Amino acid sequence: MDIKRWALRIFLIIAGLFVVNYVFGWIQALLLANRYYTDAETAYTRGDYLDALTGYKEFDQEKNKYIQRGGFLQVERIWDNPYAWPRPAVYNYSKSRVDEIIQQRITIPMAESFVQANIGKVTPYLGIVYLRLGELYAQEGDLASAKDVYQLIIESFPSQPDLTAQAQVNLASLSNP
């Protein structure tokens, strides 16, 4: 057997192993995402929107221990990597639910709890939830708290120009009714 055929076979074996490993990893990620999505939908149906968003722990009496349940944010995190391809439908469903919860379902106590639980952590939604908290304060007539939140967003999220620009617009609208 000549060296070119041998090299081609080695290449095909390595490529095949890569494909098999990728498919195996993708299937494992899909199974985990589906489980987390089911957990999140269960919490959403109960009206526990913050649990649906972030996940939660639930005591399993049979195992006598707490079990981590997933949330829509975990589903997104699984598939956010640009190399995670193809993205399953559960990813888009989760993104839609996250937007719905933040824009329509979240309350001031929920937003405050989310912000407090995630300060100092890397989460793509901290700034957005914080902005929504300012909007909720403004809707409730607590303009001082809304201004404080918008100012803090401007100072704390300089790497997110769209977010800080919206906070500046909201802050200006409170100053110039």
Foldseek 3Di string as FASTA:
>chain_A
DDPVVVVVVVVVVVVVVVVVVLVVVLVVLVVLLVQLQVLLVVCVVVLVNLCQAAWDWDQDVVVRGIDTHHHLQVSLVSQVPPPNPDRDPSVVVSVVSNVCCLPPNDALVSLVVVLVVCVPHDDPCNLVSLLSNLVRCVVVVVNVVSLVSLVCSLVPCVVDVVSNVVSVVVNVVSVPD
